[in-house]
């Protein structure tokens, strides 16, 4: 990325953040010292997994590490069994915190979110489609969505920086007649 201008680089040190202003894009690199191995994965090149009935999120696994996994959700055909319900079912992640980053598209199970949104569902907290979204998914043939999910196997701590960015009405979005468009 060759760009000049002012670029804000936010670095986290423990529980604190420090802001650096760079005059070039931080990804404009000539080389790398080998300490951290950079890589990129184009989500648009990911081949989706489809099935007759709704498949659980782990089938969309891209990377795994000791304390987390990464899954991609990309445009795909919905479940094709005649009686399938394409919407995901309500579930609780008993062993992981779930972070979902919405990249682009129309998200079948939620309203009131868009590209750039991030959701966090803590271990053991039930979550799934908003009211009416399960019924609305019946008969749909495909989805156009790009999202990246990270499941962490150690609890995440919500920082003050994250807390300031939170939508105070998000938790109410699963209540009847509370859906935001």
N, C-alpha and C. Protein backbone atom coordinates (compact mmCIF):
# COMPACT_ATOMS: atom_id res chain seq x y z
N UNK A 1 0.86 -1.17 0.00
CA UNK A 1 0.00 0.00 0.00
C UNK A 1 0.90 1.23 0.00
N UNK A 2 0.95 1.92 -1.09
CA UNK A 2 1.78 3.10 -1.18
C UNK A 2 0.88 4.33 -1.07
N UNK A 3 0.90 4.95 0.09
CA UNK A 3 0.10 6.16 0.33
C UNK A 3 0.87 7.07 1.27
N UNK A 4 0.74 8.37 1.04
CA UNK A 4 1.32 9.35 1.95
C UNK A 4 0.20 10.18 2.52
N UNK A 5 0.42 10.73 3.69
CA UNK A 5 -0.58 11.55 4.37
C UNK A 5 -0.38 11.40 5.86
N UNK A 6 -1.47 11.47 6.61
CA UNK A 6 -1.41 11.25 8.05
C UNK A 6 -2.20 9.99 8.37
N UNK A 7 -1.53 9.03 9.00
CA UNK A 7 -2.15 7.76 9.35
C UNK A 7 -2.02 7.55 10.84
N UNK A 8 -3.17 7.31 11.48
CA UNK A 8 -3.19 7.09 12.92
C UNK A 8 -2.94 5.62 13.20
N UNK A 9 -1.93 5.34 13.99
CA UNK A 9 -1.60 3.98 14.40
C UNK A 9 -1.85 3.89 15.90
N UNK A 10 -2.80 3.04 16.31
CA UNK A 10 -3.14 2.89 17.72
C UNK A 10 -2.48 1.62 18.22
N UNK A 11 -1.64 1.74 19.24
CA UNK A 11 -0.94 0.60 19.82
C UNK A 11 -1.43 0.37 21.24
N UNK A 12 -1.67 -0.89 21.57
CA UNK A 12 -2.14 -1.24 22.91
C UNK A 12 -0.95 -1.74 23.72
N UNK A 13 -0.78 -1.18 24.89
CA UNK A 13 0.26 -1.60 25.83
C UNK A 13 -0.44 -1.94 27.14
N UNK A 14 -0.61 -3.23 27.43
CA UNK A 14 -1.37 -3.62 28.62
C UNK A 14 -2.81 -3.18 28.47
N UNK A 15 -3.28 -2.35 29.38
CA UNK A 15 -4.65 -1.83 29.32
C UNK A 15 -4.70 -0.41 28.78
N UNK A 16 -3.62 0.08 28.22
CA UNK A 16 -3.56 1.46 27.74
C UNK A 16 -3.31 1.50 26.24
N UNK A 17 -3.70 2.61 25.64
CA UNK A 17 -3.51 2.81 24.21
C UNK A 17 -2.64 4.02 23.97
N UNK A 18 -1.79 3.94 22.96
CA UNK A 18 -0.96 5.07 22.57
C UNK A 18 -1.17 5.30 21.09
N UNK A 19 -1.32 6.55 20.70
CA UNK A 19 -1.58 6.90 19.30
C UNK A 19 -0.31 7.48 18.70
N UNK A 20 0.07 6.95 17.55
CA UNK A 20 1.20 7.44 16.79
C UNK A 20 0.66 7.96 15.45
N UNK A 21 1.20 9.06 14.98
CA UNK A 21 0.82 9.60 13.67
C UNK A 21 1.98 9.33 12.72
N UNK A 22 1.69 8.59 11.64
CA UNK A 22 2.70 8.27 10.64
C UNK A 22 2.43 9.07 9.37
N UNK A 23 3.48 9.37 8.61
CA UNK A 23 3.28 10.10 7.35
C UNK A 23 3.20 9.16 6.16
N UNK A 24 3.22 7.87 6.42
CA UNK A 24 3.04 6.86 5.37
C UNK A 24 2.13 5.77 5.92
N UNK A 25 1.55 5.02 5.02
CA UNK A 25 0.64 3.94 5.42
C UNK A 25 1.46 2.86 6.14
N UNK A 26 0.98 2.37 7.28
CA UNK A 26 1.77 1.39 8.04
C UNK A 26 2.00 0.06 7.30
N UNK A 27 1.24 -0.22 6.24
CA UNK A 27 1.44 -1.45 5.48
C UNK A 27 2.41 -1.27 4.31
N UNK A 28 2.97 -0.08 4.15
CA UNK A 28 3.92 0.18 3.08
C UNK A 28 5.29 -0.32 3.57
N UNK A 29 5.58 -1.59 3.29
CA UNK A 29 6.78 -2.24 3.81
C UNK A 29 7.73 -2.64 2.70
N UNK A 30 9.00 -2.56 2.99
CA UNK A 30 10.03 -3.05 2.07
C UNK A 30 10.49 -4.44 2.47
N UNK A 31 10.38 -4.74 3.73
CA UNK A 31 10.85 -6.03 4.22
C UNK A 31 10.27 -6.27 5.60
N UNK A 32 10.66 -7.38 6.17
CA UNK A 32 10.12 -7.76 7.47
C UNK A 32 11.22 -8.44 8.26
N UNK A 33 11.29 -8.18 9.55
CA UNK A 33 12.39 -8.74 10.35
C UNK A 33 12.17 -10.19 10.75
N UNK A 34 11.02 -10.74 10.47
CA UNK A 34 10.77 -12.14 10.78
C UNK A 34 10.19 -12.39 12.14
N UNK A 35 10.07 -11.36 12.98
CA UNK A 35 9.54 -11.56 14.33
C UNK A 35 8.07 -11.95 14.30
N UNK A 36 7.28 -11.25 13.52
CA UNK A 36 5.88 -11.57 13.33
C UNK A 36 5.71 -11.89 11.85
N UNK A 37 5.03 -12.98 11.54
CA UNK A 37 4.91 -13.39 10.15
C UNK A 37 3.62 -12.84 9.56
N UNK A 38 3.72 -11.82 8.71
CA UNK A 38 2.51 -11.24 8.12
C UNK A 38 1.96 -12.14 7.01
N UNK A 39 0.67 -12.12 6.90
CA UNK A 39 0.01 -12.85 5.82
C UNK A 39 -1.35 -12.20 5.59
N UNK A 40 -1.89 -12.46 4.46
CA UNK A 40 -3.21 -11.93 4.13
C UNK A 40 -4.03 -13.05 3.49
N UNK A 41 -5.32 -12.98 3.70
CA UNK A 41 -6.23 -13.97 3.12
C UNK A 41 -7.40 -13.19 2.55
N UNK A 42 -7.61 -13.29 1.26
CA UNK A 42 -8.71 -12.59 0.61
C UNK A 42 -10.00 -13.38 0.85
N UNK A 43 -10.89 -12.82 1.66
CA UNK A 43 -12.13 -13.52 2.01
C UNK A 43 -12.97 -13.83 0.77
N UNK A 44 -12.82 -13.05 -0.30
CA UNK A 44 -13.59 -13.30 -1.51
C UNK A 44 -13.12 -14.55 -2.26
N UNK A 45 -11.97 -15.08 -1.89
CA UNK A 45 -11.46 -16.30 -2.52
C UNK A 45 -11.79 -17.54 -1.70
N UNK A 46 -12.46 -17.36 -0.59
CA UNK A 46 -12.81 -18.49 0.28
C UNK A 46 -13.98 -19.25 -0.34
N UNK A 47 -13.85 -20.56 -0.45
CA UNK A 47 -14.91 -21.39 -1.01
C UNK A 47 -15.89 -21.77 0.11
N UNK A 48 -17.16 -21.41 -0.05
CA UNK A 48 -18.13 -21.70 1.02
C UNK A 48 -18.45 -23.18 1.14
N UNK A 49 -18.93 -23.55 2.31
CA UNK A 49 -19.40 -24.91 2.57
C UNK A 49 -20.92 -24.84 2.66
N UNK A 50 -21.61 -25.72 1.96
CA UNK A 50 -23.08 -25.74 2.00
C UNK A 50 -23.54 -27.17 2.30
N UNK A 51 -24.78 -27.29 2.73
CA UNK A 51 -25.31 -28.61 3.04
C UNK A 51 -26.82 -28.63 2.92
N UNK A 52 -27.39 -29.80 3.08
CA UNK A 52 -28.85 -29.95 3.00
C UNK A 52 -29.55 -29.23 4.13
N UNK A 53 -28.96 -29.26 5.32
CA UNK A 53 -29.53 -28.57 6.48
C UNK A 53 -28.49 -27.61 7.02
N UNK A 54 -28.89 -26.75 7.95
CA UNK A 54 -27.98 -25.75 8.49
C UNK A 54 -26.76 -26.39 9.12
N UNK A 55 -25.60 -25.94 8.70
CA UNK A 55 -24.34 -26.47 9.21
C UNK A 55 -23.84 -25.59 10.35
N UNK A 56 -23.26 -26.16 11.38
CA UNK A 56 -22.75 -25.35 12.49
C UNK A 56 -21.54 -24.52 12.05
N UNK A 57 -21.30 -23.39 12.71
CA UNK A 57 -20.21 -22.49 12.31
C UNK A 57 -18.84 -23.14 12.14
N UNK A 58 -18.45 -24.14 12.94
CA UNK A 58 -17.10 -24.69 12.75
C UNK A 58 -16.80 -25.24 11.36
N UNK A 59 -17.82 -25.54 10.55
CA UNK A 59 -17.52 -26.01 9.19
C UNK A 59 -16.93 -24.89 8.33
N UNK A 60 -17.05 -23.65 8.77
CA UNK A 60 -16.51 -22.50 8.04
C UNK A 60 -15.12 -22.11 8.55
N UNK A 61 -14.48 -23.01 9.28
CA UNK A 61 -13.17 -22.76 9.87
C UNK A 61 -12.11 -22.48 8.82
N UNK A 62 -11.30 -21.45 9.08
CA UNK A 62 -10.21 -21.09 8.18
C UNK A 62 -8.87 -21.32 8.87
N UNK A 63 -8.75 -20.85 10.10
CA UNK A 63 -7.51 -21.00 10.87
C UNK A 63 -7.84 -21.45 12.28
N UNK A 64 -6.90 -22.15 12.86
CA UNK A 64 -7.03 -22.55 14.25
C UNK A 64 -5.70 -22.33 14.96
N UNK A 65 -5.78 -21.97 16.21
CA UNK A 65 -4.60 -21.78 17.05
C UNK A 65 -4.91 -22.34 18.43
N UNK A 66 -3.97 -22.26 19.33
CA UNK A 66 -4.15 -22.86 20.65
C UNK A 66 -5.35 -22.27 21.39
N UNK A 67 -5.57 -20.96 21.29
CA UNK A 67 -6.60 -20.31 22.09
C UNK A 67 -7.73 -19.67 21.29
N UNK A 68 -7.77 -19.90 19.98
CA UNK A 68 -8.85 -19.31 19.19
C UNK A 68 -8.96 -20.01 17.83
N UNK A 69 -10.11 -19.78 17.19
CA UNK A 69 -10.32 -20.22 15.80
C UNK A 69 -10.89 -19.04 15.02
N UNK A 70 -10.69 -19.07 13.71
CA UNK A 70 -11.22 -18.04 12.82
C UNK A 70 -12.08 -18.73 11.77
N UNK A 71 -13.30 -18.22 11.58
CA UNK A 71 -14.22 -18.75 10.57
C UNK A 71 -14.64 -17.62 9.64
N UNK A 72 -14.87 -17.95 8.36
CA UNK A 72 -15.37 -16.99 7.38
C UNK A 72 -16.78 -17.36 6.98
N UNK A 73 -17.64 -16.36 6.87
CA UNK A 73 -18.97 -16.55 6.31
C UNK A 73 -19.01 -15.74 5.02
N UNK A 74 -19.27 -16.40 3.91
CA UNK A 74 -19.20 -15.77 2.59
C UNK A 74 -20.49 -16.08 1.82
N UNK A 75 -20.74 -15.37 0.71
CA UNK A 75 -21.94 -15.67 -0.08
C UNK A 75 -22.02 -17.16 -0.41
N UNK A 76 -23.21 -17.72 -0.25
CA UNK A 76 -23.37 -19.15 -0.46
C UNK A 76 -24.84 -19.49 -0.67
N UNK A 77 -25.08 -20.66 -1.19
CA UNK A 77 -26.43 -21.18 -1.28
C UNK A 77 -26.87 -21.57 0.13
N UNK A 78 -28.15 -21.36 0.40
CA UNK A 78 -28.68 -21.82 1.68
C UNK A 78 -28.91 -23.31 1.63
N UNK A 79 -29.30 -23.83 2.76
CA UNK A 79 -29.60 -25.25 2.90
C UNK A 79 -30.64 -25.65 1.85
N UNK A 80 -30.48 -26.80 1.26
CA UNK A 80 -31.35 -27.15 0.14
C UNK A 80 -32.30 -28.31 0.41
N UNK A 81 -32.38 -28.79 1.63
CA UNK A 81 -33.42 -29.77 1.95
C UNK A 81 -34.76 -29.04 1.91
N UNK A 82 -35.82 -29.66 1.36
CA UNK A 82 -37.11 -28.97 1.22
C UNK A 82 -37.67 -28.42 2.53
N UNK A 83 -37.33 -29.04 3.66
CA UNK A 83 -37.86 -28.57 4.94
C UNK A 83 -36.81 -27.85 5.78
N UNK A 84 -35.69 -27.49 5.17
CA UNK A 84 -34.61 -26.83 5.92
C UNK A 84 -35.00 -25.42 6.33
N UNK A 85 -34.50 -25.01 7.47
CA UNK A 85 -34.63 -23.62 7.93
C UNK A 85 -33.22 -23.03 7.88
N UNK A 86 -32.98 -22.11 6.96
CA UNK A 86 -31.61 -21.61 6.76
C UNK A 86 -31.04 -20.80 7.92
N UNK A 87 -31.89 -20.16 8.71
CA UNK A 87 -31.37 -19.32 9.79
C UNK A 87 -30.63 -20.16 10.82
N UNK A 88 -29.58 -19.60 11.40
CA UNK A 88 -28.88 -20.35 12.45
C UNK A 88 -29.79 -20.53 13.66
N UNK A 89 -29.55 -21.58 14.41
CA UNK A 89 -30.35 -21.86 15.60
C UNK A 89 -29.77 -21.11 16.80
N UNK A 90 -30.60 -20.91 17.81
CA UNK A 90 -30.11 -20.33 19.06
C UNK A 90 -29.11 -21.28 19.68
N UNK A 91 -28.05 -20.73 20.22
CA UNK A 91 -27.03 -21.56 20.85
C UNK A 91 -26.27 -20.75 21.89
N UNK A 92 -25.57 -21.44 22.74
CA UNK A 92 -24.66 -20.85 23.72
C UNK A 92 -23.29 -21.47 23.50
N UNK A 93 -22.29 -20.64 23.41
CA UNK A 93 -20.92 -21.14 23.29
C UNK A 93 -20.40 -21.35 24.72
N UNK A 94 -20.40 -22.58 25.15
CA UNK A 94 -20.02 -22.83 26.55
C UNK A 94 -18.52 -22.76 26.77
N UNK A 95 -17.72 -22.81 25.69
CA UNK A 95 -16.27 -22.80 25.87
C UNK A 95 -15.56 -21.68 25.11
N UNK A 96 -16.32 -20.69 24.61
CA UNK A 96 -15.65 -19.63 23.87
C UNK A 96 -16.46 -18.33 23.88
N UNK A 97 -15.74 -17.21 23.80
CA UNK A 97 -16.34 -15.91 23.49
C UNK A 97 -16.37 -15.82 21.98
N UNK A 98 -17.46 -15.29 21.43
CA UNK A 98 -17.62 -15.22 19.97
C UNK A 98 -17.62 -13.76 19.54
N UNK A 99 -16.68 -13.42 18.67
CA UNK A 99 -16.59 -12.08 18.08
C UNK A 99 -16.90 -12.22 16.60
N UNK A 100 -17.84 -11.43 16.11
CA UNK A 100 -18.20 -11.48 14.70
C UNK A 100 -18.01 -10.10 14.10
N UNK A 101 -17.19 -10.04 13.06
CA UNK A 101 -16.93 -8.79 12.34
C UNK A 101 -17.69 -8.84 11.03
N UNK A 102 -18.58 -7.89 10.83
CA UNK A 102 -19.41 -7.83 9.63
C UNK A 102 -18.67 -7.03 8.57
N UNK A 103 -18.28 -7.69 7.49
CA UNK A 103 -17.48 -7.06 6.44
C UNK A 103 -18.36 -6.37 5.41
N UNK A 104 -19.35 -7.12 4.87
CA UNK A 104 -20.19 -6.56 3.81
C UNK A 104 -21.39 -7.47 3.60
N UNK A 105 -22.45 -6.92 3.04
CA UNK A 105 -23.57 -7.75 2.61
C UNK A 105 -24.83 -7.58 3.43
N UNK A 106 -25.74 -8.51 3.22
CA UNK A 106 -27.04 -8.53 3.88
C UNK A 106 -27.03 -9.70 4.85
N UNK A 107 -27.07 -9.40 6.14
CA UNK A 107 -26.92 -10.43 7.15
C UNK A 107 -28.28 -11.00 7.52
N UNK A 108 -28.48 -12.24 7.14
CA UNK A 108 -29.78 -12.90 7.22
C UNK A 108 -30.35 -12.94 8.63
N UNK A 109 -29.55 -13.09 9.65
CA UNK A 109 -30.08 -13.32 10.99
C UNK A 109 -30.22 -12.04 11.82
N UNK A 110 -29.81 -10.89 11.28
CA UNK A 110 -29.83 -9.66 12.07
C UNK A 110 -30.24 -8.45 11.23
N UNK A 111 -30.83 -7.48 11.89
CA UNK A 111 -31.04 -6.16 11.30
C UNK A 111 -30.31 -5.16 12.20
N UNK A 112 -30.14 -3.96 11.72
CA UNK A 112 -29.54 -2.91 12.55
C UNK A 112 -28.03 -2.97 12.63
N UNK A 113 -27.41 -3.77 11.78
CA UNK A 113 -25.95 -3.82 11.72
C UNK A 113 -25.54 -3.64 10.27
N UNK A 114 -24.29 -3.33 10.07
CA UNK A 114 -23.80 -3.16 8.71
C UNK A 114 -22.30 -3.37 8.66
N UNK A 115 -21.71 -3.13 7.50
CA UNK A 115 -20.27 -3.30 7.36
C UNK A 115 -19.50 -2.51 8.42
N UNK A 116 -18.53 -3.16 8.99
CA UNK A 116 -17.70 -2.52 10.02
C UNK A 116 -18.19 -2.77 11.44
N UNK A 117 -19.37 -3.35 11.60
CA UNK A 117 -19.88 -3.64 12.93
C UNK A 117 -19.16 -4.85 13.51
N UNK A 118 -19.08 -4.87 14.82
CA UNK A 118 -18.46 -5.96 15.55
C UNK A 118 -19.42 -6.36 16.66
N UNK A 119 -19.70 -7.66 16.79
CA UNK A 119 -20.54 -8.12 17.90
C UNK A 119 -19.71 -9.04 18.78
N UNK A 120 -20.06 -9.06 20.05
CA UNK A 120 -19.39 -9.91 21.02
C UNK A 120 -20.45 -10.66 21.81
N UNK A 121 -20.37 -11.99 21.78
CA UNK A 121 -21.26 -12.83 22.58
C UNK A 121 -20.39 -13.63 23.53
N UNK A 122 -20.54 -13.34 24.81
CA UNK A 122 -19.72 -13.96 25.84
C UNK A 122 -20.10 -15.43 26.06
N UNK A 123 -19.17 -16.18 26.63
CA UNK A 123 -19.38 -17.60 26.93
C UNK A 123 -20.70 -17.80 27.68
N UNK A 124 -21.47 -18.78 27.22
CA UNK A 124 -22.68 -19.16 27.94
C UNK A 124 -23.90 -18.31 27.71
N UNK A 125 -23.77 -17.21 26.96
CA UNK A 125 -24.91 -16.33 26.72
C UNK A 125 -25.63 -16.79 25.45
N UNK A 126 -26.92 -17.19 25.57
CA UNK A 126 -27.66 -17.64 24.38
C UNK A 126 -27.81 -16.52 23.35
N UNK A 127 -27.64 -16.86 22.09
CA UNK A 127 -27.85 -15.89 21.02
C UNK A 127 -28.20 -16.63 19.74
N UNK A 128 -28.80 -15.91 18.83
CA UNK A 128 -29.25 -16.47 17.56
C UNK A 128 -29.96 -15.39 16.77
N UNK A 129 -30.82 -15.79 15.83
CA UNK A 129 -31.51 -14.80 15.00
C UNK A 129 -32.45 -13.92 15.82
N UNK A 130 -32.62 -12.71 15.36
CA UNK A 130 -33.59 -11.81 15.98
C UNK A 130 -35.01 -12.32 15.71
N UNK A 131 -35.95 -11.87 16.53
CA UNK A 131 -37.35 -12.30 16.29
C UNK A 131 -37.78 -12.04 14.85
N UNK A 132 -38.40 -13.06 14.26
CA UNK A 132 -38.91 -12.97 12.89
C UNK A 132 -37.91 -13.37 11.82
N UNK A 133 -36.62 -13.39 12.16
CA UNK A 133 -35.60 -13.70 11.16
C UNK A 133 -35.58 -15.18 10.79
N UNK A 134 -35.91 -16.06 11.72
CA UNK A 134 -35.96 -17.48 11.40
C UNK A 134 -37.06 -17.73 10.38
N UNK A 135 -38.25 -17.20 10.65
CA UNK A 135 -39.38 -17.38 9.74
C UNK A 135 -39.09 -16.76 8.37
N UNK A 136 -38.44 -15.59 8.38
CA UNK A 136 -38.15 -14.90 7.12
C UNK A 136 -37.12 -15.65 6.28
N UNK A 137 -36.35 -16.53 6.90
CA UNK A 137 -35.32 -17.25 6.14
C UNK A 137 -35.89 -18.42 5.34
N UNK A 138 -37.06 -18.91 5.72
CA UNK A 138 -37.65 -20.06 5.05
C UNK A 138 -37.95 -19.73 3.59
N UNK A 139 -37.49 -20.60 2.70
CA UNK A 139 -37.71 -20.40 1.26
C UNK A 139 -36.64 -19.59 0.58
N UNK A 140 -35.73 -18.97 1.33
CA UNK A 140 -34.64 -18.20 0.71
C UNK A 140 -33.64 -19.16 0.10
N UNK A 141 -33.04 -18.78 -0.99
CA UNK A 141 -32.15 -19.67 -1.74
C UNK A 141 -30.66 -19.40 -1.50
N UNK A 142 -30.31 -18.15 -1.17
CA UNK A 142 -28.89 -17.84 -1.01
C UNK A 142 -28.72 -16.62 -0.11
N UNK A 143 -27.51 -16.41 0.30
CA UNK A 143 -27.18 -15.26 1.11
C UNK A 143 -25.98 -14.54 0.50
N UNK A 144 -25.97 -13.24 0.66
CA UNK A 144 -24.81 -12.44 0.25
C UNK A 144 -24.30 -11.76 1.51
N UNK A 145 -23.32 -12.38 2.13
CA UNK A 145 -22.75 -11.79 3.33
C UNK A 145 -21.27 -12.16 3.42
N UNK A 146 -20.50 -11.23 3.95
CA UNK A 146 -19.11 -11.49 4.27
C UNK A 146 -18.93 -11.13 5.75
N UNK A 147 -18.50 -12.10 6.52
CA UNK A 147 -18.25 -11.85 7.95
C UNK A 147 -17.11 -12.76 8.40
N UNK A 148 -16.39 -12.31 9.41
CA UNK A 148 -15.30 -13.09 9.99
C UNK A 148 -15.62 -13.29 11.46
N UNK A 149 -15.57 -14.54 11.90
CA UNK A 149 -15.86 -14.86 13.29
C UNK A 149 -14.59 -15.38 13.97
N UNK A 150 -14.35 -14.89 15.17
CA UNK A 150 -13.25 -15.39 15.99
C UNK A 150 -13.86 -15.92 17.28
N UNK A 151 -13.63 -17.18 17.56
CA UNK A 151 -14.03 -17.78 18.84
C UNK A 151 -12.77 -17.92 19.68
N UNK A 152 -12.79 -17.30 20.85
CA UNK A 152 -11.63 -17.36 21.74
C UNK A 152 -11.90 -18.37 22.84
N UNK A 153 -10.92 -19.14 23.20
CA UNK A 153 -11.10 -20.15 24.24
C UNK A 153 -10.63 -19.68 25.60
N UNK A 154 -10.38 -18.41 25.70
CA UNK A 154 -10.14 -17.74 26.97
C UNK A 154 -11.04 -16.51 26.96
N UNK A 155 -11.63 -16.18 28.09
CA UNK A 155 -12.56 -15.04 28.11
C UNK A 155 -11.87 -13.73 27.70
N UNK A 156 -12.58 -12.94 26.90
CA UNK A 156 -12.08 -11.63 26.51
C UNK A 156 -12.45 -10.61 27.58
N UNK A 157 -11.59 -9.65 27.78
CA UNK A 157 -11.89 -8.55 28.70
C UNK A 157 -12.30 -7.35 27.86
N UNK A 158 -13.40 -6.74 28.21
CA UNK A 158 -13.87 -5.56 27.49
C UNK A 158 -13.14 -4.34 28.04
N UNK A 159 -12.41 -3.65 27.18
CA UNK A 159 -11.67 -2.47 27.60
C UNK A 159 -12.58 -1.24 27.61
N UNK A 160 -12.13 -0.19 28.23
CA UNK A 160 -12.89 1.06 28.24
C UNK A 160 -13.04 1.60 26.82
N UNK A 161 -12.01 1.43 26.00
CA UNK A 161 -12.07 1.86 24.59
C UNK A 161 -13.21 1.14 23.87
N UNK A 162 -13.32 -0.17 24.07
CA UNK A 162 -14.39 -0.96 23.46
C UNK A 162 -15.74 -0.54 24.05
N UNK A 163 -15.79 -0.35 25.34
CA UNK A 163 -17.04 0.00 26.01
C UNK A 163 -17.62 1.31 25.47
N UNK A 164 -16.75 2.29 25.17
CA UNK A 164 -17.21 3.57 24.63
C UNK A 164 -17.82 3.41 23.23
N UNK A 165 -17.38 2.39 22.49
CA UNK A 165 -17.89 2.17 21.13
C UNK A 165 -19.14 1.31 21.10
N UNK A 166 -19.54 0.75 22.25
CA UNK A 166 -20.67 -0.18 22.28
C UNK A 166 -22.00 0.52 22.01
N UNK A 167 -22.90 -0.20 21.38
CA UNK A 167 -24.27 0.25 21.15
C UNK A 167 -25.07 -0.13 22.39
N UNK A 168 -25.54 0.84 23.16
CA UNK A 168 -26.25 0.49 24.40
C UNK A 168 -27.57 -0.25 24.17
N UNK A 169 -28.10 -0.22 22.96
CA UNK A 169 -29.36 -0.91 22.66
C UNK A 169 -29.17 -2.30 22.05
N UNK A 170 -27.93 -2.70 21.83
CA UNK A 170 -27.68 -3.97 21.15
C UNK A 170 -28.35 -5.16 21.85
N UNK A 171 -28.21 -5.25 23.15
CA UNK A 171 -28.77 -6.40 23.89
C UNK A 171 -30.29 -6.47 23.77
N UNK A 172 -30.94 -5.35 23.53
CA UNK A 172 -32.40 -5.33 23.39
C UNK A 172 -32.85 -5.79 22.00
N UNK A 173 -31.92 -5.98 21.08
CA UNK A 173 -32.29 -6.30 19.70
C UNK A 173 -32.89 -7.69 19.55
N UNK A 174 -32.84 -8.52 20.59
CA UNK A 174 -33.47 -9.85 20.52
C UNK A 174 -34.88 -9.84 21.09
N UNK A 175 -35.33 -8.71 21.57
CA UNK A 175 -36.69 -8.63 22.11
C UNK A 175 -37.68 -8.38 20.98
N UNK A 176 -38.88 -8.94 21.09
CA UNK A 176 -39.93 -8.72 20.09
C UNK A 176 -40.14 -7.22 19.90
N UNK A 177 -40.36 -6.80 18.67
CA UNK A 177 -40.67 -5.42 18.32
C UNK A 177 -39.55 -4.45 18.65
N UNK A 178 -38.33 -4.93 18.84
CA UNK A 178 -37.20 -4.06 19.13
C UNK A 178 -36.19 -4.03 17.98
N UNK A 179 -36.48 -4.75 16.89
CA UNK A 179 -35.52 -4.80 15.78
C UNK A 179 -35.32 -3.42 15.18
N UNK A 180 -34.06 -3.11 14.93
CA UNK A 180 -33.72 -1.83 14.31
C UNK A 180 -33.43 -2.08 12.85
N UNK A 181 -33.88 -1.20 11.97
CA UNK A 181 -33.60 -1.40 10.54
C UNK A 181 -32.43 -0.58 10.12
